[in-house]
């Protein structure tokens, strides 16, 4: 997760997400959070899901040697 540069979170309950910030912190133990957008919506693709997270990572250039 140290390579993540952007996180987009979709949730059906923003207050529940804010109350459970500790779960997110576990994924970024060094305290370096990526840019993030959190959006509350009324439904997700999977009806029983409460949250969907999309991340983008930058892996850098491959070693050319």
C-alpha atoms as a PDB file:
ATOM      1  CA  UNK A   1       0.000   0.000   0.000  1.00  0.00           C
ATOM      2  CA  UNK A   2       3.028   2.265   0.207  1.00  0.00           C
ATOM      3  CA  UNK A   3       2.801   2.800  -3.567  1.00  0.00           C
ATOM      4  CA  UNK A   4      -0.807   4.033  -3.512  1.00  0.00           C
ATOM      5  CA  UNK A   5      -1.094   7.638  -4.700  1.00  0.00           C
ATOM      6  CA  UNK A   6      -4.894   8.002  -5.004  1.00  0.00           C
ATOM      7  CA  UNK A   7      -7.760   6.378  -3.137  1.00  0.00           C
ATOM      8  CA  UNK A   8     -11.434   6.708  -4.039  1.00  0.00           C
ATOM      9  CA  UNK A   9     -13.921   5.316  -1.565  1.00  0.00           C
ATOM     10  CA  UNK A  10     -17.628   4.842  -2.276  1.00  0.00           C
ATOM     11  CA  UNK A  11     -19.861   4.171   0.722  1.00  0.00           C
ATOM     12  CA  UNK A  12     -23.538   3.917   1.573  1.00  0.00           C
ATOM     13  CA  UNK A  13     -22.899   5.375   5.050  1.00  0.00           C
ATOM     14  CA  UNK A  14     -20.286   8.117   5.437  1.00  0.00           C
ATOM     15  CA  UNK A  15     -20.760   8.388   9.208  1.00  0.00           C
ATOM     16  CA  UNK A  16     -19.978   4.671   9.580  1.00  0.00           C
ATOM     17  CA  UNK A  17     -16.801   5.130   7.526  1.00  0.00           C
ATOM     18  CA  UNK A  18     -15.683   8.072   9.652  1.00  0.00           C
ATOM     19  CA  UNK A  19     -16.340   6.055  12.815  1.00  0.00           C
ATOM     20  CA  UNK A  20     -14.078   3.260  11.517  1.00  0.00           C
ATOM     21  CA  UNK A  21     -11.024   5.280  10.463  1.00  0.00           C
ATOM     22  CA  UNK A  22      -8.824   2.830  12.363  1.00  0.00           C
ATOM     23  CA  UNK A  23      -9.391   0.242   9.646  1.00  0.00           C
ATOM     24  CA  UNK A  24      -8.012   2.626   7.026  1.00  0.00           C
ATOM     25  CA  UNK A  25      -5.065   3.563   9.231  1.00  0.00           C
ATOM     26  CA  UNK A  26      -4.048  -0.106   9.373  1.00  0.00           C
ATOM     27  CA  UNK A  27      -3.409  -0.017   5.605  1.00  0.00           C
ATOM     28  CA  UNK A  28      -1.150   3.059   5.910  1.00  0.00           C
ATOM     29  CA  UNK A  29       0.836   2.367   9.107  1.00  0.00           C
ATOM     30  CA  UNK A  30       3.479   5.003   8.355  1.00  0.00           C
ATOM     31  CA  UNK A  31       0.783   7.711   8.437  1.00  0.00           C
ATOM     32  CA  UNK A  32       1.430   8.668   4.809  1.00  0.00           C
ATOM     33  CA  UNK A  33      -2.034   8.805   3.277  1.00  0.00           C
ATOM     34  CA  UNK A  34      -2.582   9.141  -0.458  1.00  0.00           C
ATOM     35  CA  UNK A  35      -4.795  11.777  -2.038  1.00  0.00           C
ATOM     36  CA  UNK A  36      -8.348  10.648  -1.397  1.00  0.00           C
ATOM     37  CA  UNK A  37     -11.953  11.242  -2.382  1.00  0.00           C
ATOM     38  CA  UNK A  38     -14.775   9.771  -0.334  1.00  0.00           C
ATOM     39  CA  UNK A  39     -18.243   9.711  -1.853  1.00  0.00           C
ATOM     40  CA  UNK A  40     -21.549   8.672  -0.274  1.00  0.00           C
ATOM     41  CA  UNK A  41     -23.901   6.929  -2.690  1.00  0.00           C
ATOM     42  CA  UNK A  42     -27.228   5.146  -2.309  1.00  0.00           C
ATOM     43  CA  UNK A  43     -26.155   1.738  -3.670  1.00  0.00           C
ATOM     44  CA  UNK A  44     -23.221  -0.314  -4.852  1.00  0.00           C
ATOM     45  CA  UNK A  45     -22.959  -2.998  -7.526  1.00  0.00           C
ATOM     46  CA  UNK A  46     -23.086  -5.744  -4.875  1.00  0.00           C
ATOM     47  CA  UNK A  47     -26.236  -4.979  -2.833  1.00  0.00           C
ATOM     48  CA  UNK A  48     -24.856  -6.319   0.473  1.00  0.00           C
ATOM     49  CA  UNK A  49     -21.640  -4.278   0.249  1.00  0.00           C
ATOM     50  CA  UNK A  50     -21.219  -1.181   2.393  1.00  0.00           C
ATOM     51  CA  UNK A  51     -18.061   0.164   0.786  1.00  0.00           C
ATOM     52  CA  UNK A  52     -16.075  -0.039  -2.437  1.00  0.00           C
ATOM     53  CA  UNK A  53     -12.496   1.230  -2.624  1.00  0.00           C
ATOM     54  CA  UNK A  54     -10.506   1.993  -5.746  1.00  0.00           C
ATOM     55  CA  UNK A  55      -6.787   2.726  -5.499  1.00  0.00           C
ATOM     56  CA  UNK A  56      -4.165   3.852  -7.990  1.00  0.00           C
ATOM     57  CA  UNK A  57      -0.521   3.097  -7.377  1.00  0.00           C
ATOM     58  CA  UNK A  58       2.676   4.464  -8.861  1.00  0.00           C
ATOM     59  CA  UNK A  59       5.323   1.765  -9.124  1.00  0.00           C
ATOM     60  CA  UNK A  60       8.003   3.962 -10.671  1.00  0.00           C
ATOM     61  CA  UNK A  61      10.179   3.161 -13.622  1.00  0.00           C
ATOM     62  CA  UNK A  62      11.433  -0.363 -14.033  1.00  0.00           C
ATOM     63  CA  UNK A  63      15.157  -0.902 -13.533  1.00  0.00           C
ATOM     64  CA  UNK A  64      16.751  -0.624 -16.981  1.00  0.00           C
ATOM     65  CA  UNK A  65      19.859  -2.638 -16.019  1.00  0.00           C
END
